Amino acid sequence: MYRNITQDNELKKIFRKPCIWSIIHILNSTEDKIINITALISKLNSNYSAVSRCIEDMKILGIIEEIHIGRLRLIKLKEDNKLTKLMTDIIKFFNSIS
């Protein structure tokens, strides 16, 4: 399968950014795989700009989607994405051995 340089760089970013793994872990632990951006920032004990950068990277890769309802910004885990499935499996594996 052909991937361009941008996609390769984005894939490398994921594995270096702990916030992306944390966001996937938090979203995967919610019942409907959706969370409000403010609640996500609070759970990560981070700030808006840092979380927004991670969310933008995740959107590029199709791991999450944003849902806007008025001023409300929701983040939803895209469970049908192969990369999402792989990353959630990795998280589950490490949770099972710890």
N, C-alpha and C. Protein backbone atom coordinates (compact mmCIF):
# COMPACT_ATOMS: atom_id res chain seq x y z
N MET A 1 0.84 -1.18 0.00
CA MET A 1 0.00 0.00 0.00
C MET A 1 0.89 1.25 0.00
N TYR A 2 0.56 2.21 -0.84
CA TYR A 2 1.34 3.44 -0.96
C TYR A 2 0.88 4.46 0.07
N ARG A 3 1.83 5.04 0.78
CA ARG A 3 1.53 6.14 1.69
C ARG A 3 2.48 7.27 1.36
N ASN A 4 1.97 8.47 1.45
CA ASN A 4 2.86 9.60 1.17
C ASN A 4 3.66 10.00 2.41
N ILE A 5 4.60 10.89 2.24
CA ILE A 5 5.49 11.29 3.32
C ILE A 5 4.73 11.93 4.47
N THR A 6 3.70 12.70 4.16
CA THR A 6 2.91 13.35 5.20
C THR A 6 2.26 12.31 6.10
N GLN A 7 1.67 11.27 5.51
CA GLN A 7 1.04 10.23 6.31
C GLN A 7 2.07 9.52 7.18
N ASP A 8 3.23 9.22 6.65
CA ASP A 8 4.28 8.58 7.43
C ASP A 8 4.70 9.45 8.61
N ASN A 9 4.85 10.74 8.36
CA ASN A 9 5.21 11.66 9.45
C ASN A 9 4.13 11.71 10.51
N GLU A 10 2.87 11.70 10.09
CA GLU A 10 1.76 11.73 11.04
C GLU A 10 1.74 10.45 11.87
N LEU A 11 2.00 9.31 11.25
CA LEU A 11 2.04 8.05 11.99
C LEU A 11 3.16 8.05 13.02
N LYS A 12 4.29 8.60 12.67
CA LYS A 12 5.41 8.68 13.62
C LYS A 12 5.06 9.59 14.80
N LYS A 13 4.29 10.64 14.52
CA LYS A 13 3.87 11.57 15.58
C LYS A 13 3.06 10.86 16.65
N ILE A 14 2.20 9.96 16.23
CA ILE A 14 1.28 9.30 17.17
C ILE A 14 2.04 8.57 18.25
N PHE A 15 3.02 7.83 17.84
CA PHE A 15 3.72 6.99 18.78
C PHE A 15 4.63 7.78 19.71
N ARG A 16 4.89 9.04 19.38
CA ARG A 16 5.72 9.89 20.22
C ARG A 16 4.91 10.79 21.14
N LYS A 17 3.61 10.86 20.95
CA LYS A 17 2.80 11.79 21.73
C LYS A 17 1.97 11.04 22.77
N PRO A 18 2.34 11.17 24.04
CA PRO A 18 1.57 10.49 25.09
C PRO A 18 0.12 10.99 25.17
N CYS A 19 -0.12 12.25 24.80
CA CYS A 19 -1.48 12.78 24.90
C CYS A 19 -2.43 12.04 23.96
N ILE A 20 -1.95 11.61 22.82
CA ILE A 20 -2.80 10.87 21.88
C ILE A 20 -3.21 9.54 22.49
N TRP A 21 -2.25 8.85 23.10
CA TRP A 21 -2.56 7.57 23.76
C TRP A 21 -3.52 7.79 24.92
N SER A 22 -3.32 8.86 25.67
CA SER A 22 -4.20 9.16 26.81
C SER A 22 -5.61 9.47 26.35
N ILE A 23 -5.74 10.22 25.27
CA ILE A 23 -7.07 10.55 24.74
C ILE A 23 -7.78 9.28 24.28
N ILE A 24 -7.08 8.41 23.59
CA ILE A 24 -7.70 7.15 23.15
C ILE A 24 -8.12 6.33 24.36
N HIS A 25 -7.27 6.27 25.37
CA HIS A 25 -7.60 5.51 26.58
C HIS A 25 -8.86 6.07 27.25
N ILE A 26 -8.93 7.39 27.38
CA ILE A 26 -10.09 8.02 28.01
C ILE A 26 -11.35 7.79 27.19
N LEU A 27 -11.27 8.02 25.87
CA LEU A 27 -12.44 7.82 25.01
C LEU A 27 -12.89 6.36 25.03
N ASN A 28 -11.95 5.44 25.03
CA ASN A 28 -12.29 4.02 25.02
C ASN A 28 -12.94 3.59 26.33
N SER A 29 -12.66 4.30 27.41
CA SER A 29 -13.23 3.94 28.70
C SER A 29 -14.64 4.51 28.91
N THR A 30 -15.07 5.43 28.05
CA THR A 30 -16.43 5.95 28.15
C THR A 30 -17.40 5.00 27.45
N GLU A 31 -18.63 5.00 27.90
CA GLU A 31 -19.61 4.05 27.37
C GLU A 31 -19.90 4.26 25.89
N ASP A 32 -20.10 5.51 25.48
CA ASP A 32 -20.45 5.77 24.08
C ASP A 32 -19.29 6.31 23.25
N LYS A 33 -18.07 6.30 23.82
CA LYS A 33 -16.84 6.71 23.12
C LYS A 33 -16.86 8.18 22.70
N ILE A 34 -17.60 9.00 23.46
CA ILE A 34 -17.71 10.44 23.20
C ILE A 34 -17.42 11.20 24.49
N ILE A 35 -16.72 12.32 24.37
CA ILE A 35 -16.48 13.16 25.54
C ILE A 35 -16.44 14.63 25.11
N ASN A 36 -16.88 15.49 26.00
CA ASN A 36 -16.82 16.93 25.81
C ASN A 36 -15.36 17.37 25.93
N ILE A 37 -14.94 18.31 25.12
CA ILE A 37 -13.55 18.77 25.12
C ILE A 37 -13.13 19.29 26.49
N THR A 38 -14.02 19.97 27.20
CA THR A 38 -13.69 20.50 28.52
C THR A 38 -13.45 19.37 29.52
N ALA A 39 -14.29 18.35 29.49
CA ALA A 39 -14.10 17.19 30.37
C ALA A 39 -12.81 16.46 30.04
N LEU A 40 -12.50 16.36 28.76
CA LEU A 40 -11.27 15.70 28.32
C LEU A 40 -10.04 16.45 28.85
N ILE A 41 -10.05 17.76 28.72
CA ILE A 41 -8.94 18.58 29.21
C ILE A 41 -8.77 18.39 30.72
N SER A 42 -9.89 18.35 31.43
CA SER A 42 -9.85 18.15 32.87
C SER A 42 -9.27 16.79 33.24
N LYS A 43 -9.70 15.74 32.55
CA LYS A 43 -9.20 14.39 32.83
C LYS A 43 -7.71 14.26 32.51
N LEU A 44 -7.26 14.97 31.50
CA LEU A 44 -5.85 14.93 31.12
C LEU A 44 -4.99 15.85 31.98
N ASN A 45 -5.65 16.71 32.76
CA ASN A 45 -4.95 17.72 33.56
C ASN A 45 -3.99 18.51 32.67
N SER A 46 -4.54 19.00 31.57
CA SER A 46 -3.74 19.69 30.57
C SER A 46 -4.39 21.03 30.25
N ASN A 47 -3.99 21.64 29.15
CA ASN A 47 -4.59 22.90 28.73
C ASN A 47 -5.21 22.75 27.34
N TYR A 48 -6.03 23.72 26.98
CA TYR A 48 -6.79 23.65 25.74
C TYR A 48 -5.89 23.55 24.50
N SER A 49 -4.86 24.36 24.44
CA SER A 49 -4.04 24.37 23.22
C SER A 49 -3.28 23.06 23.02
N ALA A 50 -2.78 22.46 24.09
CA ALA A 50 -2.06 21.18 23.97
C ALA A 50 -3.00 20.07 23.52
N VAL A 51 -4.18 20.02 24.11
CA VAL A 51 -5.15 18.99 23.74
C VAL A 51 -5.65 19.22 22.32
N SER A 52 -5.86 20.47 21.93
CA SER A 52 -6.32 20.77 20.57
C SER A 52 -5.31 20.32 19.52
N ARG A 53 -4.03 20.50 19.80
CA ARG A 53 -3.00 20.03 18.85
C ARG A 53 -3.06 18.52 18.68
N CYS A 54 -3.22 17.80 19.78
CA CYS A 54 -3.33 16.34 19.70
C CYS A 54 -4.58 15.93 18.94
N ILE A 55 -5.68 16.62 19.19
CA ILE A 55 -6.94 16.31 18.51
C ILE A 55 -6.80 16.55 17.01
N GLU A 56 -6.12 17.62 16.62
CA GLU A 56 -5.92 17.89 15.18
C GLU A 56 -5.12 16.77 14.52
N ASP A 57 -4.07 16.30 15.19
CA ASP A 57 -3.29 15.18 14.65
C ASP A 57 -4.15 13.93 14.52
N MET A 58 -4.99 13.70 15.51
CA MET A 58 -5.85 12.51 15.50
C MET A 58 -6.91 12.60 14.40
N LYS A 59 -7.41 13.81 14.15
CA LYS A 59 -8.40 13.99 13.07
C LYS A 59 -7.77 13.71 11.71
N ILE A 60 -6.53 14.15 11.51
CA ILE A 60 -5.83 13.91 10.24
C ILE A 60 -5.74 12.42 9.96
N LEU A 61 -5.51 11.64 11.00
CA LEU A 61 -5.37 10.19 10.85
C LEU A 61 -6.70 9.45 10.88
N GLY A 62 -7.79 10.16 11.13
CA GLY A 62 -9.10 9.53 11.14
C GLY A 62 -9.39 8.73 12.40
N ILE A 63 -8.66 9.00 13.48
CA ILE A 63 -8.85 8.27 14.73
C ILE A 63 -10.08 8.78 15.47
N ILE A 64 -10.32 10.06 15.36
CA ILE A 64 -11.47 10.68 16.03
C ILE A 64 -12.23 11.55 15.05
N GLU A 65 -13.43 11.94 15.48
CA GLU A 65 -14.18 12.95 14.74
C GLU A 65 -14.70 13.96 15.74
N GLU A 66 -14.85 15.19 15.28
CA GLU A 66 -15.39 16.26 16.12
C GLU A 66 -16.86 16.45 15.78
N ILE A 67 -17.64 16.64 16.82
CA ILE A 67 -19.06 16.93 16.65
C ILE A 67 -19.32 18.27 17.33
N HIS A 68 -19.85 19.21 16.56
CA HIS A 68 -20.18 20.53 17.11
C HIS A 68 -21.69 20.63 17.25
N ILE A 69 -22.13 20.93 18.47
CA ILE A 69 -23.54 21.17 18.74
C ILE A 69 -23.60 22.54 19.41
N GLY A 70 -23.93 23.54 18.62
CA GLY A 70 -23.87 24.91 19.13
C GLY A 70 -22.43 25.24 19.50
N ARG A 71 -22.22 25.64 20.75
CA ARG A 71 -20.86 25.93 21.22
C ARG A 71 -20.19 24.72 21.83
N LEU A 72 -20.93 23.64 21.95
CA LEU A 72 -20.41 22.41 22.53
C LEU A 72 -19.53 21.67 21.53
N ARG A 73 -18.36 21.27 21.96
CA ARG A 73 -17.43 20.55 21.10
C ARG A 73 -17.21 19.15 21.68
N LEU A 74 -17.69 18.15 20.96
CA LEU A 74 -17.55 16.76 21.41
C LEU A 74 -16.51 16.05 20.57
N ILE A 75 -15.79 15.14 21.20
CA ILE A 75 -14.78 14.33 20.54
C ILE A 75 -15.26 12.89 20.58
N LYS A 76 -15.29 12.24 19.42
CA LYS A 76 -15.78 10.86 19.33
C LYS A 76 -14.70 9.96 18.74
N LEU A 77 -14.49 8.82 19.37
CA LEU A 77 -13.53 7.84 18.88
C LEU A 77 -14.14 7.10 17.69
N LYS A 78 -13.42 7.05 16.58
CA LYS A 78 -13.90 6.34 15.39
C LYS A 78 -13.45 4.88 15.49
N GLU A 79 -14.35 4.05 15.98
CA GLU A 79 -14.02 2.65 16.25
C GLU A 79 -13.82 1.82 14.98
N ASP A 80 -14.32 2.30 13.85
CA ASP A 80 -14.19 1.54 12.61
C ASP A 80 -12.85 1.76 11.90
N ASN A 81 -12.02 2.65 12.43
CA ASN A 81 -10.70 2.94 11.86
C ASN A 81 -9.71 1.85 12.28
N LYS A 82 -8.94 1.31 11.34
CA LYS A 82 -7.98 0.24 11.63
C LYS A 82 -6.92 0.69 12.63
N LEU A 83 -6.45 1.91 12.49
CA LEU A 83 -5.44 2.43 13.41
C LEU A 83 -5.99 2.55 14.82
N THR A 84 -7.24 2.98 14.94
CA THR A 84 -7.89 3.07 16.25
C THR A 84 -7.96 1.70 16.89
N LYS A 85 -8.39 0.70 16.12
CA LYS A 85 -8.48 -0.66 16.65
C LYS A 85 -7.12 -1.15 17.12
N LEU A 86 -6.09 -0.90 16.34
CA LEU A 86 -4.74 -1.33 16.70
C LEU A 86 -4.30 -0.66 18.00
N MET A 87 -4.52 0.64 18.10
CA MET A 87 -4.08 1.37 19.28
C MET A 87 -4.86 0.96 20.53
N THR A 88 -6.16 0.72 20.40
CA THR A 88 -6.93 0.27 21.56
C THR A 88 -6.50 -1.13 21.98
N ASP A 89 -6.16 -1.98 21.03
CA ASP A 89 -5.65 -3.31 21.36
C ASP A 89 -4.32 -3.23 22.12
N ILE A 90 -3.46 -2.32 21.70
CA ILE A 90 -2.18 -2.13 22.40
C ILE A 90 -2.42 -1.66 23.83
N ILE A 91 -3.33 -0.72 24.01
CA ILE A 91 -3.66 -0.22 25.35
C ILE A 91 -4.22 -1.34 26.21
N LYS A 92 -5.15 -2.13 25.65
CA LYS A 92 -5.73 -3.26 26.40
C LYS A 92 -4.66 -4.26 26.80
N PHE A 93 -3.72 -4.53 25.89
CA PHE A 93 -2.64 -5.47 26.18
C PHE A 93 -1.82 -5.00 27.37
N PHE A 94 -1.40 -3.74 27.35
CA PHE A 94 -0.59 -3.22 28.44
C PHE A 94 -1.37 -3.13 29.75
N ASN A 95 -2.67 -2.88 29.67
CA ASN A 95 -3.49 -2.88 30.88
C ASN A 95 -3.60 -4.28 31.47
N SER A 96 -3.64 -5.29 30.60
CA SER A 96 -3.79 -6.67 31.08
C SER A 96 -2.52 -7.21 31.74
N ILE A 97 -1.35 -6.69 31.36
CA ILE A 97 -0.12 -7.19 31.97
C ILE A 97 0.35 -6.36 33.16
N SER A 98 -0.31 -5.25 33.41
CA SER A 98 0.12 -4.42 34.54
C SER A 98 -0.71 -4.68 35.77
